[in-house]
Amino acid sequence: MANSPAKKTLCKYTRQDIAASNMAELIAEPQFFCGACARSSSQKNALCQPVALTELTDQVFDLTSAHTSELTSQDPIQVNPQQDHLPQVNRSAQAVEKAKALKAQREASIKETPLKHGVHLVEPIYPSPSPSPSQTKTPDLDLIKQVLKLQHKQEKAEKKQQKMRKKLLEKQSELADKHHKVLKQERKLLKQQAKLNKQQAQMKQKLAQYELDWPLSALSAVSGLNTENKERVSQLKVLH
């Protein structure tokens, strides 16, 4: 289904196509997935922003291997074996002490703000809200998104280059057609000129033959007869 340049649907499928179960190509043997709507397909032409799954798996594997190498490079945590054998009484006493210390910190954190008439207003200090999971993004996802953006930009640049090449080829074909027409007209004119030259040569040959057949004396006699005939005609006109 062809997309119009003004409005582009996701993965070249509308809601009617999805409802009519025309999504078999997007599910069987996925080799690509769409960067816009995360649909998968075995064909690259069926998606609007195709990305190869092999490239992403290689990138994720590199990131995970780098992360594990950093963790392994750190010093291991040393555990004191004597702490495991502490009696439960000491542990409970430590828990009570920790609770008391926390209570004292909370009481110390409360502030008193004096007012005009000697009345004090107690304002407890609330803990800062913890960031939501949507705000705390892992670096792996950020890197994957950056890679997808770069790939999208590269695809746009390639499409622009293809359009420019197509336009240049069209212009070259138009110029070639015009050049072919001009050459055709030149050939036609050359043929016409050759034909005219041939006709002129034939006319010259005929005139030369005519001059040879009729000498100059005969021509002068013919011209004299013509003058006599003209005089007789003029005399007859005068008589009438």
Protein backbone atom coordinates (compact mmCIF):
# COMPACT_ATOMS: atom_id res chain seq x y z
CA MET A 1 0.00 0.00 0.00
CA ALA A 2 1.66 3.21 -1.15
CA ASN A 3 1.95 6.10 1.28
CA SER A 4 1.11 9.65 0.27
CA PRO A 5 3.87 12.27 0.78
CA ALA A 6 1.57 14.48 2.91
CA LYS A 7 0.44 11.84 5.44
CA LYS A 8 2.55 8.77 6.28
CA THR A 9 1.04 5.73 8.05
CA LEU A 10 3.03 3.47 10.33
CA CYS A 11 4.60 0.48 8.59
CA LYS A 12 2.43 0.94 5.47
CA TYR A 13 -0.60 -0.66 7.17
CA THR A 14 -3.84 1.05 8.20
CA ARG A 15 -6.29 -0.02 10.89
CA GLN A 16 -8.48 -1.68 8.26
CA ASP A 17 -5.55 -3.81 7.07
CA ILE A 18 -4.68 -4.82 10.63
CA ALA A 19 -8.32 -5.72 11.31
CA ALA A 20 -8.42 -7.78 8.09
CA SER A 21 -5.46 -9.89 9.39
CA ASN A 22 -2.97 -8.61 6.81
CA MET A 23 -0.13 -8.67 9.37
CA ALA A 24 1.32 -12.11 8.50
CA GLU A 25 4.43 -10.58 6.90
CA LEU A 26 5.23 -8.57 10.04
CA ILE A 27 5.25 -11.56 12.43
CA ALA A 28 6.78 -14.57 10.58
CA GLU A 29 10.60 -14.86 10.86
CA PRO A 30 11.43 -11.32 12.01
CA GLN A 31 14.74 -9.96 10.75
CA PHE A 32 13.98 -6.23 10.98
CA PHE A 33 11.99 -4.04 13.34
CA CYS A 34 10.52 -0.56 13.01
CA GLY A 35 12.11 2.29 14.94
CA ALA A 36 8.81 4.22 15.06
CA CYS A 37 6.24 1.63 16.23
CA ALA A 38 8.47 -1.37 17.20
CA ARG A 39 6.85 -3.80 14.76
CA SER A 40 8.91 -6.66 13.38
CA SER A 41 9.07 -8.05 9.84
CA SER A 42 11.08 -10.37 7.64
CA GLN A 43 11.10 -7.79 4.83
CA LYS A 44 12.72 -4.38 4.98
CA ASN A 45 10.21 -2.77 2.59
CA ALA A 46 7.25 -3.57 4.91
CA LEU A 47 8.47 -1.13 7.63
CA CYS A 48 8.62 2.66 7.60
CA GLN A 49 11.84 2.90 9.69
CA PRO A 50 13.54 -0.54 9.36
CA VAL A 51 16.45 -1.48 11.64
CA ALA A 52 18.28 -4.81 11.42
CA LEU A 53 18.02 -6.99 14.55
CA THR A 54 21.56 -8.32 14.10
CA GLU A 55 23.08 -4.84 14.47
CA LEU A 56 21.14 -4.16 17.69
CA THR A 57 22.01 -7.53 19.22
CA ASP A 58 25.70 -6.91 18.51
CA GLN A 59 25.50 -3.46 20.11
CA VAL A 60 23.67 -4.76 23.20
CA PHE A 61 26.19 -7.61 23.52
CA ASP A 62 29.08 -5.12 23.35
CA LEU A 63 27.45 -2.91 25.99
CA THR A 64 26.72 -5.82 28.36
CA SER A 65 30.24 -7.22 27.94
CA ALA A 66 31.74 -3.78 28.70
CA HIS A 67 29.51 -3.46 31.79
CA THR A 68 30.48 -6.91 33.08
CA SER A 69 34.16 -6.21 32.45
CA GLU A 70 33.90 -3.02 34.54
CA LEU A 71 32.21 -4.92 37.37
CA THR A 72 34.82 -7.67 37.31
CA SER A 73 37.66 -5.12 37.23
CA GLN A 74 36.51 -3.63 40.57
CA ASP A 75 37.89 -4.96 43.84
CA PRO A 76 35.76 -7.73 45.38
CA ILE A 77 33.88 -7.01 48.61
CA GLN A 78 35.64 -8.53 51.59
CA VAL A 79 33.26 -10.24 53.98
CA ASN A 80 34.27 -10.84 57.56
CA PRO A 81 33.39 -14.44 58.47
CA GLN A 82 33.04 -13.46 62.15
CA GLN A 83 29.97 -11.32 61.36
CA ASP A 84 27.98 -14.40 60.36
CA HIS A 85 28.52 -15.93 63.80
CA LEU A 86 27.41 -12.91 65.83
CA PRO A 87 24.73 -13.70 68.35
CA GLN A 88 21.21 -12.57 67.69
CA VAL A 89 21.19 -10.51 70.92
CA ASN A 90 23.88 -8.17 69.62
CA ARG A 91 22.02 -7.77 66.36
CA SER A 92 18.80 -6.79 68.08
CA ALA A 93 20.69 -4.31 70.27
CA GLN A 94 22.26 -2.76 67.18
CA ALA A 95 18.84 -2.47 65.57
CA VAL A 96 17.46 -0.66 68.63
CA GLU A 97 20.41 1.72 68.66
CA LYS A 98 19.93 2.48 64.96
CA ALA A 99 16.23 3.21 65.52
CA LYS A 100 17.06 5.61 68.36
CA ALA A 101 19.66 7.39 66.26
CA LEU A 102 17.14 7.81 63.42
CA LYS A 103 14.54 9.19 65.83
CA ALA A 104 17.07 11.70 67.17
CA GLN A 105 17.94 12.79 63.62
CA ARG A 106 14.25 13.31 62.82
CA GLU A 107 13.70 15.43 65.92
CA ALA A 108 16.81 17.49 65.16
CA SER A 109 15.63 18.05 61.61
CA ILE A 110 12.40 19.75 62.76
CA LYS A 111 12.70 23.55 62.54
CA GLU A 112 10.82 26.18 64.51
CA THR A 113 9.90 29.45 62.77
CA PRO A 114 9.09 32.33 65.20
CA LEU A 115 6.03 34.48 64.45
CA LYS A 116 5.11 38.03 65.58
CA HIS A 117 3.16 37.17 68.79
CA GLY A 118 5.70 34.72 70.21
CA VAL A 119 4.03 31.68 68.70
CA HIS A 120 6.32 29.11 67.11
CA LEU A 121 5.27 27.04 64.10
CA VAL A 122 6.85 23.62 63.74
CA GLU A 123 7.73 22.74 60.15
CA PRO A 124 8.97 19.17 59.63
CA ILE A 125 11.48 18.57 56.87
CA TYR A 126 10.05 16.07 54.42
CA PRO A 127 12.38 13.81 52.45
CA SER A 128 12.91 14.63 48.79
CA PRO A 129 10.73 12.52 46.48
CA SER A 130 12.49 9.64 44.84
CA PRO A 131 12.76 9.86 41.06
CA SER A 132 10.27 7.85 39.04
CA PRO A 133 11.46 4.82 37.05
CA SER A 134 10.65 6.68 33.84
CA GLN A 135 13.15 9.42 34.80
CA THR A 136 15.93 6.98 35.78
CA LYS A 137 16.92 5.60 32.40
CA THR A 138 19.60 3.03 32.01
CA PRO A 139 22.61 4.02 29.88
CA ASP A 140 22.08 1.01 27.60
CA LEU A 141 18.67 2.23 26.45
CA ASP A 142 20.01 5.74 25.94
CA LEU A 143 22.83 4.44 23.76
CA ILE A 144 20.41 2.30 21.74
CA LYS A 145 18.16 5.32 21.19
CA GLN A 146 21.13 7.41 20.07
CA VAL A 147 22.17 4.69 17.63
CA LEU A 148 18.63 4.51 16.25
CA LYS A 149 18.53 8.29 15.81
CA LEU A 150 21.85 8.24 13.96
CA GLN A 151 20.61 5.45 11.71
CA HIS A 152 17.42 7.41 11.03
CA LYS A 153 19.46 10.50 10.07
CA GLN A 154 21.69 8.43 7.79
CA GLU A 155 18.64 6.94 6.06
CA LYS A 156 17.22 10.44 5.52
CA ALA A 157 20.51 11.62 4.02
CA GLU A 158 20.63 8.57 1.72
CA LYS A 159 17.05 9.25 0.57
CA LYS A 160 17.96 12.86 -0.23
CA GLN A 161 21.00 11.73 -2.21
CA GLN A 162 18.87 9.23 -4.13
CA LYS A 163 16.36 11.97 -4.99
CA MET A 164 19.14 14.27 -6.19
CA ARG A 165 20.63 11.48 -8.33
CA LYS A 166 17.21 10.72 -9.79
CA LYS A 167 16.70 14.38 -10.71
CA LEU A 168 20.15 14.59 -12.30
CA LEU A 169 19.49 11.45 -14.33
CA GLU A 170 16.17 12.86 -15.53
CA LYS A 171 17.86 16.11 -16.59
CA GLN A 172 20.60 14.20 -18.39
CA SER A 173 18.02 12.11 -20.23
CA GLU A 174 16.14 15.28 -21.26
CA LEU A 175 19.35 16.87 -22.56
CA ALA A 176 20.22 13.69 -24.45
CA ASP A 177 16.78 13.70 -26.10
CA LYS A 178 17.19 17.35 -27.13
CA HIS A 179 20.66 16.65 -28.52
CA HIS A 180 19.29 13.72 -30.49
CA LYS A 181 16.55 15.93 -31.97
CA VAL A 182 19.08 18.61 -32.96
CA LEU A 183 21.28 16.02 -34.66
CA LYS A 184 18.26 14.67 -36.50
CA GLN A 185 17.36 18.16 -37.77
CA GLU A 186 20.96 18.78 -38.87
CA ARG A 187 20.96 15.54 -40.86
CA LYS A 188 17.69 16.51 -42.50
CA LEU A 189 19.04 19.94 -43.48
CA LEU A 190 22.23 18.41 -44.88
CA LYS A 191 20.15 16.06 -47.02
CA GLN A 192 18.05 18.95 -48.31
CA GLN A 193 21.17 21.00 -49.12
CA ALA A 194 22.71 18.08 -50.99
CA LYS A 195 19.49 17.67 -52.98
CA LEU A 196 19.46 21.39 -53.91
CA ASN A 197 23.10 21.26 -54.99
CA LYS A 198 22.33 18.28 -57.19
CA GLN A 199 19.38 20.11 -58.80
CA GLN A 200 21.52 23.19 -59.47
CA ALA A 201 24.20 21.07 -61.13
CA GLN A 202 21.55 19.44 -63.34
CA MET A 203 20.16 22.84 -64.36
CA LYS A 204 23.65 24.05 -65.30
CA GLN A 205 24.24 20.99 -67.42
CA LYS A 206 20.91 21.51 -69.27
CA LEU A 207 21.74 25.16 -69.98
CA ALA A 208 25.13 24.22 -71.36
CA GLN A 209 23.60 21.61 -73.67
CA TYR A 210 20.98 24.11 -74.85
CA GLU A 211 23.65 26.69 -75.73
CA LEU A 212 25.56 24.13 -77.70
CA ASP A 213 22.48 23.00 -79.69
CA TRP A 214 21.37 26.57 -80.55
CA PRO A 215 24.20 28.81 -81.86
CA LEU A 216 24.25 32.56 -81.46
CA SER A 217 23.25 33.29 -85.09
CA ALA A 218 20.05 31.31 -84.75
CA LEU A 219 19.23 33.14 -81.62
CA SER A 220 19.74 36.53 -83.36
CA ALA A 221 17.48 35.49 -86.27
CA VAL A 222 14.75 34.44 -83.89
CA SER A 223 15.03 37.80 -82.15
CA GLY A 224 14.76 39.65 -85.56
CA LEU A 225 11.60 37.71 -86.54
CA ASN A 226 10.07 38.63 -83.28
CA THR A 227 10.69 42.36 -83.93
CA GLU A 228 9.13 42.15 -87.47
CA ASN A 229 6.07 40.43 -86.13
CA LYS A 230 5.67 43.17 -83.56
CA GLU A 231 5.85 45.91 -86.23
CA ARG A 232 3.19 44.22 -88.40
CA VAL A 233 0.86 43.90 -85.45
CA SER A 234 1.28 47.61 -84.68
CA GLN A 235 0.50 48.60 -88.33
CA LEU A 236 -2.66 46.50 -88.37
CA LYS A 237 -3.81 48.17 -85.20
CA VAL A 238 -3.31 51.63 -86.84
CA LEU A 239 -5.42 50.62 -89.88
CA HIS A 240 -8.28 49.57 -87.72
